[in-house]
PDB file of N, CA and C in Angstrom:
ATOM      1  N   MET A   1     -48.190-138.558  23.857  1.00  0.00           N
ATOM      2  CA  MET A   1     -47.223-139.620  24.039  1.00  0.00           C
ATOM      3  C   MET A   1     -45.873-138.959  24.332  1.00  0.00           C
ATOM      4  N   ASN A   2     -45.144-139.489  25.286  1.00  0.00           N
ATOM      5  CA  ASN A   2     -43.852-138.895  25.604  1.00  0.00           C
ATOM      6  C   ASN A   2     -42.746-139.555  24.780  1.00  0.00           C
ATOM      7  N   GLY A   3     -41.570-138.982  24.827  1.00  0.00           N
ATOM      8  CA  GLY A   3     -40.482-139.443  23.973  1.00  0.00           C
ATOM      9  C   GLY A   3     -39.352-140.136  24.690  1.00  0.00           C
ATOM     10  N   THR A   4     -39.663-140.913  25.731  1.00  0.00           N
ATOM     11  CA  THR A   4     -38.594-141.583  26.482  1.00  0.00           C
ATOM     12  C   THR A   4     -38.222-142.947  25.905  1.00  0.00           C
ATOM     13  N   ASN A   5     -39.024-143.500  25.008  1.00  0.00           N
ATOM     14  CA  ASN A   5     -38.734-144.802  24.394  1.00  0.00           C
ATOM     15  C   ASN A   5     -38.294-144.607  22.956  1.00  0.00           C
ATOM     16  N   ARG A   6     -37.100-145.091  22.633  1.00  0.00           N
ATOM     17  CA  ARG A   6     -36.550-144.922  21.286  1.00  0.00           C
ATOM     18  C   ARG A   6     -37.440-145.576  20.226  1.00  0.00           C
ATOM     19  N   GLU A   7     -38.087-146.667  20.600  1.00  0.00           N
ATOM     20  CA  GLU A   7     -38.957-147.395  19.673  1.00  0.00           C
ATOM     21  C   GLU A   7     -40.081-146.509  19.116  1.00  0.00           C
ATOM     22  N   ALA A   8     -40.538-145.530  19.896  1.00  0.00           N
ATOM     23  CA  ALA A   8     -41.649-144.667  19.482  1.00  0.00           C
ATOM     24  C   ALA A   8     -41.199-143.494  18.617  1.00  0.00           C
ATOM     25  N   VAL A   9     -39.899-143.251  18.566  1.00  0.00           N
ATOM     26  CA  VAL A   9     -39.371-142.096  17.836  1.00  0.00           C
ATOM     27  C   VAL A   9     -38.817-142.569  16.498  1.00  0.00           C
ATOM     28  N   LYS A  10     -39.363-142.030  15.403  1.00  0.00           N
ATOM     29  CA  LYS A  10     -38.954-142.432  14.058  1.00  0.00           C
ATOM     30  C   LYS A  10     -38.691-141.183  13.217  1.00  0.00           C
ATOM     31  N   PRO A  11     -37.745-141.254  12.295  1.00  0.00           N
ATOM     32  CA  PRO A  11     -37.554-140.130  11.379  1.00  0.00           C
ATOM     33  C   PRO A  11     -38.848-139.836  10.625  1.00  0.00           C
ATOM     34  N   GLY A  12     -39.155-138.548  10.467  1.00  0.00           N
ATOM     35  CA  GLY A  12     -40.346-138.139   9.736  1.00  0.00           C
ATOM     36  C   GLY A  12     -41.539-137.806  10.609  1.00  0.00           C
ATOM     37  N   ILE A  13     -41.500-138.145  11.907  1.00  0.00           N
ATOM     38  CA  ILE A  13     -42.635-137.828  12.768  1.00  0.00           C
ATOM     39  C   ILE A  13     -42.488-136.417  13.342  1.00  0.00           C
ATOM     40  N   THR A  14     -43.602-135.830  13.716  1.00  0.00           N
ATOM     41  CA  THR A  14     -43.612-134.493  14.311  1.00  0.00           C
ATOM     42  C   THR A  14     -43.526-134.626  15.825  1.00  0.00           C
ATOM     43  N   VAL A  15     -42.605-133.869  16.410  1.00  0.00           N
ATOM     44  CA  VAL A  15     -42.361-133.939  17.848  1.00  0.00           C
ATOM     45  C   VAL A  15     -42.158-132.539  18.413  1.00  0.00           C
ATOM     46  N   ASP A  16     -42.272-132.435  19.727  1.00  0.00           N
ATOM     47  CA  ASP A  16     -41.840-131.251  20.459  1.00  0.00           C
ATOM     48  C   ASP A  16     -40.597-131.651  21.224  1.00  0.00           C
ATOM     49  N   ILE A  17     -39.542-130.836  21.095  1.00  0.00           N
ATOM     50  CA  ILE A  17     -38.302-131.105  21.819  1.00  0.00           C
ATOM     51  C   ILE A  17     -38.010-129.949  22.767  1.00  0.00           C
ATOM     52  N   VAL A  18     -37.171-130.230  23.750  1.00  0.00           N
ATOM     53  CA  VAL A  18     -36.614-129.156  24.574  1.00  0.00           C
ATOM     54  C   VAL A  18     -35.117-129.120  24.251  1.00  0.00           C
ATOM     55  N   ARG A  19     -34.674-127.953  23.773  1.00  0.00           N
ATOM     56  CA  ARG A  19     -33.260-127.783  23.463  1.00  0.00           C
ATOM     57  C   ARG A  19     -32.485-127.545  24.749  1.00  0.00           C
ATOM     58  N   LYS A  20     -31.184-127.814  24.743  1.00  0.00           N
ATOM     59  CA  LYS A  20     -30.350-127.681  25.934  1.00  0.00           C
ATOM     60  C   LYS A  20     -30.498-126.291  26.561  1.00  0.00           C
ATOM     61  N   GLU A  21     -30.468-125.255  25.735  1.00  0.00           N
ATOM     62  CA  GLU A  21     -30.554-123.892  26.259  1.00  0.00           C
ATOM     63  C   GLU A  21     -31.944-123.537  26.786  1.00  0.00           C
ATOM     64  N   ASP A  22     -32.939-124.363  26.483  1.00  0.00           N
ATOM     65  CA  ASP A  22     -34.309-124.115  26.938  1.00  0.00           C
ATOM     66  C   ASP A  22     -34.714-125.018  28.101  1.00  0.00           C
ATOM     67  N   GLN A  23     -33.785-125.800  28.634  1.00  0.00           N
ATOM     68  CA  GLN A  23     -34.141-126.747  29.689  1.00  0.00           C
ATOM     69  C   GLN A  23     -34.684-126.049  30.927  1.00  0.00           C
ATOM     70  N   ARG A  24     -34.100-124.936  31.321  1.00  0.00           N
ATOM     71  CA  ARG A  24     -34.565-124.234  32.528  1.00  0.00           C
ATOM     72  C   ARG A  24     -35.980-123.693  32.360  1.00  0.00           C
ATOM     73  N   SER A  25     -36.259-123.126  31.192  1.00  0.00           N
ATOM     74  CA  SER A  25     -37.578-122.539  30.967  1.00  0.00           C
ATOM     75  C   SER A  25     -38.611-123.595  30.569  1.00  0.00           C
ATOM     76  N   GLY A  26     -38.148-124.712  30.000  1.00  0.00           N
ATOM     77  CA  GLY A  26     -39.064-125.753  29.544  1.00  0.00           C
ATOM     78  C   GLY A  26     -39.697-125.436  28.199  1.00  0.00           C
ATOM     79  N   LYS A  27     -39.192-124.404  27.504  1.00  0.00           N
ATOM     80  CA  LYS A  27     -39.739-124.014  26.201  1.00  0.00           C
ATOM     81  C   LYS A  27     -39.606-125.168  25.210  1.00  0.00           C
ATOM     82  N   LEU A  28     -40.690-125.467  24.516  1.00  0.00           N
ATOM     83  CA  LEU A  28     -40.698-126.560  23.543  1.00  0.00           C
ATOM     84  C   LEU A  28     -40.556-126.021  22.129  1.00  0.00           C
ATOM     85  N   THR A  29     -39.897-126.793  21.293  1.00  0.00           N
ATOM     86  CA  THR A  29     -39.716-126.464  19.883  1.00  0.00           C
ATOM     87  C   THR A  29     -40.294-127.600  19.065  1.00  0.00           C
ATOM     88  N   ARG A  30     -41.197-127.283  18.130  1.00  0.00           N
ATOM     89  CA  ARG A  30     -41.837-128.315  17.309  1.00  0.00           C
ATOM     90  C   ARG A  30     -41.089-128.483  15.994  1.00  0.00           C
ATOM     91  N   GLY A  31     -40.974-129.722  15.549  1.00  0.00           N
ATOM     92  CA  GLY A  31     -40.335-129.989  14.272  1.00  0.00           C
ATOM     93  C   GLY A  31     -40.482-131.442  13.873  1.00  0.00           C
ATOM     94  N   VAL A  32     -39.867-131.771  12.753  1.00  0.00           N
ATOM     95  CA  VAL A  32     -39.923-133.122  12.200  1.00  0.00           C
ATOM     96  C   VAL A  32     -38.561-133.777  12.399  1.00  0.00           C
ATOM     97  N   VAL A  33     -38.562-135.000  12.916  1.00  0.00           N
ATOM     98  CA  VAL A  33     -37.328-135.728  13.220  1.00  0.00           C
ATOM     99  C   VAL A  33     -36.578-136.074  11.936  1.00  0.00           C
ATOM    100  N   LYS A  34     -35.287-135.722  11.926  1.00  0.00           N
ATOM    101  CA  LYS A  34     -34.404-136.112  10.827  1.00  0.00           C
ATOM    102  C   LYS A  34     -33.527-137.279  11.255  1.00  0.00           C
ATOM    103  N   ASP A  35     -32.869-137.150  12.425  1.00  0.00           N
ATOM    104  CA  ASP A  35     -31.957-138.179  12.925  1.00  0.00           C
ATOM    105  C   ASP A  35     -32.230-138.457  14.394  1.00  0.00           C
ATOM    106  N   ILE A  36     -32.048-139.717  14.797  1.00  0.00           N
ATOM    107  CA  ILE A  36     -32.135-140.101  16.206  1.00  0.00           C
ATOM    108  C   ILE A  36     -30.704-140.202  16.721  1.00  0.00           C
ATOM    109  N   LEU A  37     -30.394-139.453  17.774  1.00  0.00           N
ATOM    110  CA  LEU A  37     -29.027-139.374  18.270  1.00  0.00           C
ATOM    111  C   LEU A  37     -28.773-140.249  19.499  1.00  0.00           C
ATOM    112  N   THR A  38     -29.826-140.645  20.213  1.00  0.00           N
ATOM    113  CA  THR A  38     -29.678-141.515  21.381  1.00  0.00           C
ATOM    114  C   THR A  38     -29.597-142.965  20.920  1.00  0.00           C
ATOM    115  N   ASN A  39     -28.590-143.687  21.409  1.00  0.00           N
ATOM    116  CA  ASN A  39     -28.422-145.092  21.019  1.00  0.00           C
ATOM    117  C   ASN A  39     -29.166-146.060  21.933  1.00  0.00           C
ATOM    118  N   SER A  40     -29.383-145.679  23.199  1.00  0.00           N
ATOM    119  CA  SER A  40     -30.025-146.601  24.141  1.00  0.00           C
ATOM    120  C   SER A  40     -31.527-146.707  23.857  1.00  0.00           C
ATOM    121  N   ALA A  41     -32.140-147.762  24.346  1.00  0.00           N
ATOM    122  CA  ALA A  41     -33.563-148.015  24.101  1.00  0.00           C
ATOM    123  C   ALA A  41     -34.466-147.010  24.797  1.00  0.00           C
ATOM    124  N   THR A  42     -34.027-146.494  25.942  1.00  0.00           N
ATOM    125  CA  THR A  42     -34.818-145.496  26.668  1.00  0.00           C
ATOM    126  C   THR A  42     -33.884-144.439  27.245  1.00  0.00           C
ATOM    127  N   HIS A  43     -34.465-143.293  27.567  1.00  0.00           N
ATOM    128  CA  HIS A  43     -33.725-142.244  28.277  1.00  0.00           C
ATOM    129  C   HIS A  43     -34.738-141.486  29.118  1.00  0.00           C
ATOM    130  N   PRO A  44     -34.475-141.314  30.411  1.00  0.00           N
ATOM    131  CA  PRO A  44     -35.466-140.706  31.305  1.00  0.00           C
ATOM    132  C   PRO A  44     -35.835-139.260  30.960  1.00  0.00           C
ATOM    133  N   HIS A  45     -34.956-138.550  30.259  1.00  0.00           N
ATOM    134  CA  HIS A  45     -35.246-137.153  29.911  1.00  0.00           C
ATOM    135  C   HIS A  45     -35.700-136.992  28.470  1.00  0.00           C
ATOM    136  N   GLY A  46     -35.835-138.087  27.750  1.00  0.00           N
ATOM    137  CA  GLY A  46     -36.281-138.036  26.364  1.00  0.00           C
ATOM    138  C   GLY A  46     -35.176-138.447  25.411  1.00  0.00           C
ATOM    139  N   ILE A  47     -35.573-139.016  24.298  1.00  0.00           N
ATOM    140  CA  ILE A  47     -34.637-139.440  23.266  1.00  0.00           C
ATOM    141  C   ILE A  47     -34.108-138.190  22.557  1.00  0.00           C
ATOM    142  N   LYS A  48     -32.795-138.114  22.377  1.00  0.00           N
ATOM    143  CA  LYS A  48     -32.200-136.948  21.719  1.00  0.00           C
ATOM    144  C   LYS A  48     -32.305-137.123  20.207  1.00  0.00           C
ATOM    145  N   VAL A  49     -32.776-136.065  19.529  1.00  0.00           N
ATOM    146  CA  VAL A  49     -32.960-136.099  18.081  1.00  0.00           C
ATOM    147  C   VAL A  49     -32.443-134.814  17.443  1.00  0.00           C
ATOM    148  N   ARG A  50     -32.212-134.894  16.139  1.00  0.00           N
ATOM    149  CA  ARG A  50     -31.948-133.720  15.320  1.00  0.00           C
ATOM    150  C   ARG A  50     -33.166-133.529  14.438  1.00  0.00           C
ATOM    151  N   LEU A  51     -33.706-132.312  14.432  1.00  0.00           N
ATOM    152  CA  LEU A  51     -34.853-132.002  13.586  1.00  0.00           C
ATOM    153  C   LEU A  51     -34.386-131.679  12.172  1.00  0.00           C
ATOM    154  N   GLN A  52     -35.323-131.634  11.239  1.00  0.00           N
ATOM    155  CA  GLN A  52     -34.988-131.327   9.848  1.00  0.00           C
ATOM    156  C   GLN A  52     -34.374-129.939   9.698  1.00  0.00           C
ATOM    157  N   ASN A  53     -34.686-129.028  10.626  1.00  0.00           N
ATOM    158  CA  ASN A  53     -34.116-127.681  10.555  1.00  0.00           C
ATOM    159  C   ASN A  53     -32.763-127.594  11.267  1.00  0.00           C
ATOM    160  N   GLY A  54     -32.242-128.727  11.759  1.00  0.00           N
ATOM    161  CA  GLY A  54     -30.919-128.775  12.360  1.00  0.00           C
ATOM    162  C   GLY A  54     -30.881-128.625  13.871  1.00  0.00           C
ATOM    163  N   GLN A  55     -31.994-128.262  14.498  1.00  0.00           N
ATOM    164  CA  GLN A  55     -32.009-128.108  15.950  1.00  0.00           C
ATOM    165  C   GLN A  55     -31.948-129.478  16.628  1.00  0.00           C
ATOM    166  N   VAL A  56     -31.254-129.514  17.778  1.00  0.00           N
ATOM    167  CA  VAL A  56     -31.068-130.759  18.525  1.00  0.00           C
ATOM    168  C   VAL A  56     -31.690-130.597  19.905  1.00  0.00           C
ATOM    169  N   GLY A  57     -32.385-131.637  20.360  1.00  0.00           N
ATOM    170  CA  GLY A  57     -32.968-131.611  21.691  1.00  0.00           C
ATOM    171  C   GLY A  57     -33.564-132.957  22.044  1.00  0.00           C
ATOM    172  N   ARG A  58     -34.148-133.013  23.233  1.00  0.00           N
ATOM    173  CA  ARG A  58     -34.757-134.250  23.717  1.00  0.00           C
ATOM    174  C   ARG A  58     -36.269-134.212  23.505  1.00  0.00           C
ATOM    175  N   VAL A  59     -36.817-135.325  23.003  1.00  0.00           N
ATOM    176  CA  VAL A  59     -38.244-135.414  22.685  1.00  0.00           C
ATOM    177  C   VAL A  59     -39.062-135.397  23.970  1.00  0.00           C
ATOM    178  N   LYS A  60     -40.017-134.479  24.036  1.00  0.00           N
ATOM    179  CA  LYS A  60     -40.938-134.392  25.165  1.00  0.00           C
ATOM    180  C   LYS A  60     -42.339-134.846  24.773  1.00  0.00           C
ATOM    181  N   VAL A  61     -42.742-134.576  23.523  1.00  0.00           N
ATOM    182  CA  VAL A  61     -44.086-134.935  23.057  1.00  0.00           C
ATOM    183  C   VAL A  61     -43.977-135.466  21.636  1.00  0.00           C
ATOM    184  N   ILE A  62     -44.665-136.579  21.385  1.00  0.00           N
ATOM    185  CA  ILE A  62     -44.790-137.118  20.035  1.00  0.00           C
ATOM    186  C   ILE A  62     -46.217-136.837  19.586  1.00  0.00           C
ATOM    187  N   HIS A  63     -46.350-136.189  18.440  1.00  0.00           N
ATOM    188  CA  HIS A  63     -47.680-135.834  17.951  1.00  0.00           C
ATOM    189  C   HIS A  63     -48.234-136.929  17.048  1.00  0.00           C
ATOM    190  N   PRO A  64     -49.487-137.318  17.290  1.00  0.00           N
ATOM    191  CA  PRO A  64     -50.120-138.334  16.439  1.00  0.00           C
ATOM    192  C   PRO A  64     -50.356-137.789  15.032  1.00  0.00           C
ATOM    193  N   VAL A  65     -50.488-138.697  14.070  1.00  0.00           N
ATOM    194  CA  VAL A  65     -50.698-138.286  12.679  1.00  0.00           C
ATOM    195  C   VAL A  65     -51.898-139.010  12.086  1.00  0.00           C
ATOM    196  N   HIS A  66     -52.510-138.372  11.075  1.00  0.00           N
ATOM    197  CA  HIS A  66     -53.565-139.016  10.288  1.00  0.00           C
ATOM    198  C   HIS A  66     -52.930-140.096   9.416  1.00  0.00           C
ATOM    199  N   SER A  67     -53.734-140.948   8.833  1.00  0.00           N
ATOM    200  CA  SER A  67     -53.220-141.978   7.934  1.00  0.00           C
ATOM    201  C   SER A  67     -52.576-141.359   6.694  1.00  0.00           C
ATOM    202  N   ASP A  68     -52.952-140.109   6.348  1.00  0.00           N
ATOM    203  CA  ASP A  68     -52.343-139.439   5.191  1.00  0.00           C
ATOM    204  C   ASP A  68     -51.047-138.719   5.548  1.00  0.00           C
ATOM    205  N   GLY A  69     -50.616-138.851   6.828  1.00  0.00           N
ATOM    206  CA  GLY A  69     -49.350-138.282   7.238  1.00  0.00           C
ATOM    207  C   GLY A  69     -49.451-136.885   7.822  1.00  0.00           C
ATOM    208  N   GLU A  70     -50.631-136.267   7.793  1.00  0.00           N
ATOM    209  CA  GLU A  70     -50.797-134.935   8.348  1.00  0.00           C
ATOM    210  C   GLU A  70     -50.922-135.028   9.880  1.00  0.00           C
ATOM    211  N   ALA A  71     -50.256-134.130  10.583  1.00  0.00           N
ATOM    212  CA  ALA A  71     -50.328-134.124  12.044  1.00  0.00           C
ATOM    213  C   ALA A  71     -51.732-133.726  12.477  1.00  0.00           C
ATOM    214  N   LEU A  72     -52.223-134.398  13.503  1.00  0.00           N
ATOM    215  CA  LEU A  72     -53.509-134.040  14.082  1.00  0.00           C
ATOM    216  C   LEU A  72     -53.359-132.758  14.881  1.00  0.00           C
ATOM    217  N   PRO A  73     -54.425-131.976  15.040  1.00  0.00           N
ATOM    218  CA  PRO A  73     -54.319-130.815  15.913  1.00  0.00           C
ATOM    219  C   PRO A  73     -54.014-131.279  17.330  1.00  0.00           C
ATOM    220  N   ASP A  74     -53.461-130.378  18.138  1.00  0.00           N
ATOM    221  CA  ASP A  74     -53.125-130.744  19.504  1.00  0.00           C
ATOM    222  C   ASP A  74     -54.337-131.307  20.226  1.00  0.00           C
ATOM    223  N   THR A  75     -54.117-132.442  20.880  1.00  0.00           N
ATOM    224  CA  THR A  75     -55.186-133.075  21.642  1.00  0.00           C
ATOM    225  C   THR A  75     -54.712-133.274  23.075  1.00  0.00           C
ATOM    226  N   PRO A  76     -55.585-133.145  24.049  1.00  0.00           N
ATOM    227  CA  PRO A  76     -55.164-133.364  25.436  1.00  0.00           C
ATOM    228  C   PRO A  76     -54.681-134.790  25.620  1.00  0.00           C
ATOM    229  N   GLN A  77     -53.643-134.937  26.452  1.00  0.00           N
ATOM    230  CA  GLN A  77     -53.084-136.278  26.646  1.00  0.00           C
ATOM    231  C   GLN A  77     -53.162-136.694  28.072  1.00  0.00           C
TER     232      GLN A  77
END
């Protein structure tokens, strides 16, 4: 699932973001959402978030979770 819709991005979910300095390379950083920084309902490059470790970037991938809250292993999308 991609991260262009704010409705799909919630604090506590596991996501992959691209940080500003990694935009050229496309390197993704995985973490748990702490804060949602984008106010609009959608953004074509991904909703901007702050992770629990303090890193800021735009959501590229939202990882599904089990009912117990554990992230599922990577699955093809």
